[in-house]
Amino acid sequence: MRAYFVLRPAIWRDQCRSAKLTAESSFDLPVRYREPRYKSESNETMQADDKKRNAAKAALNYIEGDTVLGVGTGTTVNQLIDLLPGVRDRIHAVVSSSTATTARLEELGFEVSLLNEVGDIDLYIDGADEANKHLQLIKGGGGALTREKVLAGAARKFVCIIDDSKLVGMLGTFPLPIEVIPMAQSFVARKLAKMRGQPVWREKFVTDNGNHILDVHNLVISNPMEMETRINQLPGVLTVGIFAHRPADVLIIGDESGVRITGK
């Protein structure tokens, strides 16, 4: 059974004003974004970091001589970035998917190029919030989904690195990020609610492109390609965080035994 947030009309109107959404829609929308609380145990965190590091190390094997490398965004990718100085001689140029990644690369002495300057990318390495056996992904937890999708599309090979907790049978347990232009936020949220999702505004977050993020909870994504197309067609949507039309070519999964590699 689906669980829905129900807000009293007066409270809903106040929260809509606070979130800069209009109160003209008729559905109950949780507009306040709160980070979920998890039990924090240092040993579990260390184990997850080890898995991410193992996946990142395995990805280095795909960086060949004179590679134009695209670098994604997120905690697993940060493990990769920290390892890149060791293969600096194999990298011809590097392109970044976010300002956060650019800053981390520059701290390590890399000169970051623009995609318009390098043309196509030989290899793009990025993480994911969820991945299925078809190498289709949900991405955008870090808010860089639009630039990530551009770099994935421009890459000859897309290698995705994850720990085994991100591997799922069906996409959608992780709330689906959608980047929207601010003036269309309420309109897009109403459309998503009609798809039986629960859109939540990622409060006080602005993307590198100056836009907002709606995180859609409880959306059934039984056909990722169809859902990606359907949401992308909504006016005001810049990018949806489903990577199904351009999935990963290689999925490297860090687990307790080392790594598993799927794809070509």
Protein backbone atom coordinates (compact mmCIF):
# COMPACT_ATOMS: atom_id res chain seq x y z
CA MET A 1 0.00 0.00 0.00
CA ARG A 2 1.27 3.47 -0.84
CA ALA A 3 1.86 5.92 2.00
CA TYR A 4 0.94 9.54 1.28
CA PHE A 5 1.70 12.72 3.21
CA VAL A 6 -1.52 14.54 4.10
CA LEU A 7 -1.34 18.21 5.02
CA ARG A 8 -4.21 20.36 6.27
CA PRO A 9 -5.21 23.00 3.69
CA ALA A 10 -4.07 26.00 5.74
CA ILE A 11 -0.74 24.39 6.56
CA TRP A 12 -0.36 23.28 2.94
CA ARG A 13 -0.92 26.85 1.68
CA ASP A 14 1.64 28.24 4.14
CA GLN A 15 4.21 25.66 3.12
CA CYS A 16 3.52 26.29 -0.54
CA ARG A 17 4.25 30.02 -0.03
CA SER A 18 7.38 29.11 1.91
CA ALA A 19 8.49 26.82 -0.91
CA LYS A 20 7.47 29.30 -3.64
CA LEU A 21 4.90 26.87 -5.03
CA THR A 22 1.34 27.95 -5.88
CA ALA A 23 -1.58 26.59 -3.86
CA GLU A 24 -3.79 26.11 -6.92
CA SER A 25 -3.12 22.37 -7.17
CA SER A 26 -5.42 19.88 -5.50
CA PHE A 27 -2.99 17.18 -4.42
CA ASP A 28 -1.22 16.90 -1.08
CA LEU A 29 2.42 17.79 -1.70
CA PRO A 30 5.21 17.54 0.91
CA VAL A 31 7.25 20.57 -0.10
CA ARG A 32 9.79 20.68 2.69
CA TYR A 33 12.92 18.68 1.98
CA ARG A 34 14.59 17.01 4.93
CA GLU A 35 17.65 14.83 4.81
CA PRO A 36 16.70 11.30 5.92
CA ARG A 37 18.20 10.20 9.20
CA TYR A 38 20.13 6.99 9.29
CA LYS A 39 21.83 5.13 12.10
CA SER A 40 25.49 5.96 11.91
CA GLU A 41 27.93 3.18 12.65
CA SER A 42 31.59 3.82 11.91
CA ASN A 43 32.37 0.23 10.91
CA GLU A 44 29.54 0.19 8.33
CA THR A 45 30.74 3.53 6.94
CA MET A 46 34.30 2.23 6.66
CA GLN A 47 33.09 -0.92 4.92
CA ALA A 48 31.08 1.13 2.40
CA ASP A 49 34.09 3.36 1.75
CA ASP A 50 36.25 0.28 1.12
CA LYS A 51 33.75 -1.00 -1.45
CA LYS A 52 33.67 2.37 -3.20
CA ARG A 53 37.46 2.52 -3.20
CA ASN A 54 37.69 -0.98 -4.69
CA ALA A 55 35.31 -0.01 -7.50
CA ALA A 56 37.26 3.20 -8.14
CA LYS A 57 40.56 1.31 -8.33
CA ALA A 58 39.11 -1.13 -10.85
CA ALA A 59 37.95 1.77 -13.02
CA LEU A 60 41.54 2.96 -13.44
CA ASN A 61 42.14 0.00 -15.76
CA TYR A 62 39.85 1.61 -18.33
CA ILE A 63 42.02 4.75 -18.55
CA GLU A 64 44.37 4.09 -21.42
CA GLY A 65 47.11 6.29 -22.87
CA ASP A 66 46.15 9.79 -24.03
CA THR A 67 42.57 9.52 -22.72
CA VAL A 68 40.13 12.42 -22.76
CA LEU A 69 38.45 11.66 -19.44
CA GLY A 70 35.08 12.79 -18.14
CA VAL A 71 34.68 12.74 -14.37
CA GLY A 72 31.34 12.56 -12.58
CA THR A 73 30.21 13.72 -9.15
CA GLY A 74 29.63 12.03 -5.80
CA THR A 75 31.26 10.14 -2.95
CA THR A 76 32.33 7.14 -5.04
CA VAL A 77 33.78 9.41 -7.72
CA ASN A 78 35.69 11.30 -5.03
CA GLN A 79 37.50 8.03 -4.32
CA LEU A 80 38.40 7.86 -8.01
CA ILE A 81 39.60 11.48 -8.14
CA ASP A 82 41.97 10.86 -5.26
CA LEU A 83 43.54 8.03 -7.29
CA LEU A 84 43.90 9.94 -10.59
CA PRO A 85 47.32 11.50 -9.85
CA GLY A 86 48.74 7.97 -10.08
CA VAL A 87 47.63 7.68 -13.73
CA ARG A 88 48.19 11.30 -14.72
CA ASP A 89 50.48 10.24 -17.57
CA ARG A 90 47.56 8.42 -19.24
CA ILE A 91 45.24 11.44 -19.23
CA HIS A 92 45.33 13.88 -22.14
CA ALA A 93 42.51 16.12 -20.87
CA VAL A 94 39.85 15.98 -18.15
CA VAL A 95 36.28 17.32 -18.22
CA SER A 96 34.18 17.75 -15.09
CA SER A 97 30.45 17.31 -14.43
CA SER A 98 30.18 19.84 -11.58
CA THR A 99 31.85 22.74 -9.83
CA ALA A 100 32.51 20.47 -6.83
CA THR A 101 34.38 17.95 -8.98
CA THR A 102 36.26 20.73 -10.76
CA ALA A 103 37.47 22.12 -7.43
CA ARG A 104 38.64 18.69 -6.26
CA LEU A 105 40.50 18.03 -9.53
CA GLU A 106 42.18 21.43 -9.48
CA GLU A 107 43.32 20.85 -5.90
CA LEU A 108 45.21 17.83 -7.23
CA GLY A 109 46.85 19.87 -9.98
CA PHE A 110 44.64 18.93 -12.94
CA GLU A 111 43.67 21.55 -15.50
CA VAL A 112 39.97 21.05 -16.21
CA SER A 113 38.85 21.54 -19.81
CA LEU A 114 35.41 22.45 -21.15
CA LEU A 115 33.47 19.91 -23.18
CA ASN A 116 33.24 22.44 -26.02
CA GLU A 117 37.03 22.52 -26.14
CA VAL A 118 37.68 18.77 -26.31
CA GLY A 119 34.77 17.45 -28.37
CA ASP A 120 33.83 13.85 -27.66
CA ILE A 121 35.08 12.08 -24.53
CA ASP A 122 36.93 8.77 -24.69
CA LEU A 123 35.82 7.63 -21.25
CA TYR A 124 33.32 8.88 -18.68
CA ILE A 125 33.45 7.52 -15.13
CA ASP A 126 30.68 8.28 -12.67
CA GLY A 127 28.72 6.76 -9.81
CA ALA A 128 24.99 6.15 -9.39
CA ASP A 129 22.32 6.22 -6.73
CA GLU A 130 20.76 3.04 -8.13
CA ALA A 131 21.62 0.57 -10.91
CA ASN A 132 19.79 -2.45 -12.32
CA LYS A 133 20.98 -5.52 -14.21
CA HIS A 134 20.43 -3.73 -17.53
CA LEU A 135 22.95 -1.07 -16.44
CA GLN A 136 20.17 1.52 -16.32
CA LEU A 137 20.66 4.05 -13.55
CA ILE A 138 19.15 6.64 -11.29
CA LYS A 139 21.50 9.56 -10.81
CA GLY A 140 21.28 13.07 -9.42
CA GLY A 141 21.50 12.68 -5.66
CA GLY A 142 24.30 15.24 -5.78
CA GLY A 143 22.28 17.52 -8.06
CA ALA A 144 24.61 17.33 -11.08
CA LEU A 145 22.37 15.11 -13.23
CA THR A 146 22.12 17.41 -16.27
CA ARG A 147 25.85 17.82 -16.79
CA GLU A 148 26.37 14.16 -15.95
CA LYS A 149 23.89 13.14 -18.65
CA VAL A 150 25.59 15.43 -21.17
CA LEU A 151 29.01 13.91 -20.47
CA ALA A 152 27.61 10.37 -20.57
CA GLY A 153 26.05 11.15 -23.94
CA ALA A 154 29.32 12.57 -25.26
CA ALA A 155 31.39 9.59 -24.10
CA ARG A 156 32.48 6.65 -26.24
CA LYS A 157 32.46 4.50 -23.09
CA PHE A 158 30.60 5.09 -19.83
CA VAL A 159 31.91 3.23 -16.78
CA CYS A 160 29.71 3.39 -13.68
CA ILE A 161 31.21 2.62 -10.26
CA ILE A 162 29.03 1.70 -7.28
CA ASP A 163 29.04 -0.27 -4.07
CA ASP A 164 26.73 -3.28 -3.91
CA SER A 165 24.07 -1.44 -1.88
CA LYS A 166 23.18 0.53 -5.02
CA LEU A 167 22.29 -2.56 -7.09
CA VAL A 168 18.49 -3.02 -7.24
CA GLY A 169 15.94 -5.19 -8.99
CA MET A 170 13.76 -2.24 -10.07
CA LEU A 171 14.68 1.43 -10.11
CA GLY A 172 12.75 3.85 -7.93
CA THR A 173 13.44 3.11 -4.28
CA PHE A 174 15.85 6.04 -4.30
CA PRO A 175 13.80 9.24 -4.84
CA LEU A 176 14.08 10.23 -8.51
CA PRO A 177 15.81 13.63 -8.97
CA ILE A 178 14.44 15.94 -11.66
CA GLU A 179 16.02 19.29 -12.52
CA VAL A 180 13.39 21.93 -13.32
CA ILE A 181 13.51 25.61 -14.14
CA PRO A 182 12.25 27.56 -11.10
CA MET A 183 9.15 29.10 -12.70
CA ALA A 184 7.88 25.65 -13.72
CA GLN A 185 8.45 23.97 -10.35
CA SER A 186 4.81 23.89 -9.23
CA PHE A 187 3.49 22.94 -12.67
CA VAL A 188 5.92 20.04 -13.01
CA ALA A 189 5.17 18.88 -9.44
CA ARG A 190 1.44 18.66 -10.24
CA LYS A 191 2.15 16.60 -13.36
CA LEU A 192 4.38 14.23 -11.40
CA ALA A 193 1.69 13.78 -8.75
CA LYS A 194 -0.70 12.68 -11.50
CA MET A 195 1.86 9.98 -12.33
CA ARG A 196 1.39 8.77 -8.72
CA GLY A 197 4.75 10.09 -7.55
CA GLN A 198 5.31 12.29 -4.50
CA PRO A 199 7.48 15.26 -5.56
CA VAL A 200 9.47 17.00 -2.84
CA TRP A 201 11.31 20.26 -3.43
CA ARG A 202 14.99 20.01 -2.49
CA GLU A 203 14.91 23.11 -0.32
CA LYS A 204 17.78 25.64 -0.39
CA PHE A 205 19.52 23.77 -3.19
CA VAL A 206 20.36 25.37 -6.53
CA THR A 207 22.06 23.41 -9.30
CA ASP A 208 25.18 24.56 -11.13
CA ASN A 209 22.79 25.59 -13.91
CA GLY A 210 20.75 27.84 -11.57
CA ASN A 211 17.74 25.51 -11.36
CA HIS A 212 15.80 23.56 -8.73
CA ILE A 213 15.51 19.85 -7.96
CA LEU A 214 12.32 17.88 -7.32
CA ASP A 215 12.94 14.50 -5.68
CA VAL A 216 10.08 12.15 -6.56
CA HIS A 217 9.26 9.47 -4.00
CA ASN A 218 7.32 6.25 -4.52
CA LEU A 219 7.35 6.42 -8.31
CA VAL A 220 6.96 3.02 -9.96
CA ILE A 221 9.61 2.77 -12.70
CA SER A 222 8.79 -0.58 -14.30
CA ASN A 223 9.85 0.68 -17.74
CA PRO A 224 12.79 3.08 -17.27
CA MET A 225 13.10 4.10 -20.93
CA GLU A 226 9.41 4.95 -21.21
CA MET A 227 9.42 6.86 -17.91
CA GLU A 228 12.55 8.81 -18.90
CA THR A 229 10.93 9.88 -22.16
CA ARG A 230 7.62 10.75 -20.51
CA ILE A 231 9.13 13.00 -17.84
CA ASN A 232 11.61 14.62 -20.23
CA GLN A 233 8.67 15.76 -22.36
CA LEU A 234 7.14 17.82 -19.55
CA PRO A 235 7.64 21.55 -20.23
CA GLY A 236 9.98 23.01 -17.62
CA VAL A 237 11.96 19.80 -17.05
CA LEU A 238 15.62 20.21 -17.91
CA THR A 239 16.69 16.65 -17.07
CA VAL A 240 15.31 13.59 -15.32
CA GLY A 241 17.75 11.43 -13.39
CA ILE A 242 16.89 8.18 -15.21
CA PHE A 243 19.78 7.02 -17.38
CA ALA A 244 18.05 4.40 -19.53
CA HIS A 245 18.35 5.72 -23.08
CA ARG A 246 22.07 6.14 -22.35
CA PRO A 247 22.88 3.47 -19.74
CA ALA A 248 26.34 2.56 -18.54
CA ASP A 249 28.50 0.40 -20.80
CA VAL A 250 30.32 -1.11 -17.83
CA LEU A 251 29.12 -1.46 -14.24
CA ILE A 252 31.79 -2.01 -11.58
CA ILE A 253 30.30 -3.14 -8.29
CA GLY A 254 32.39 -3.03 -5.14
CA ASP A 255 31.47 -5.71 -2.62
CA GLU A 256 32.98 -7.61 0.30
CA SER A 257 34.96 -9.92 -1.97
CA GLY A 258 36.41 -7.17 -4.16
CA VAL A 259 34.65 -6.15 -7.37
CA ARG A 260 32.21 -7.58 -9.89
CA ILE A 261 32.16 -6.21 -13.43
CA THR A 262 29.15 -6.30 -15.75
CA GLY A 263 29.01 -5.06 -19.34
CA LYS A 264 31.39 -4.69 -22.22
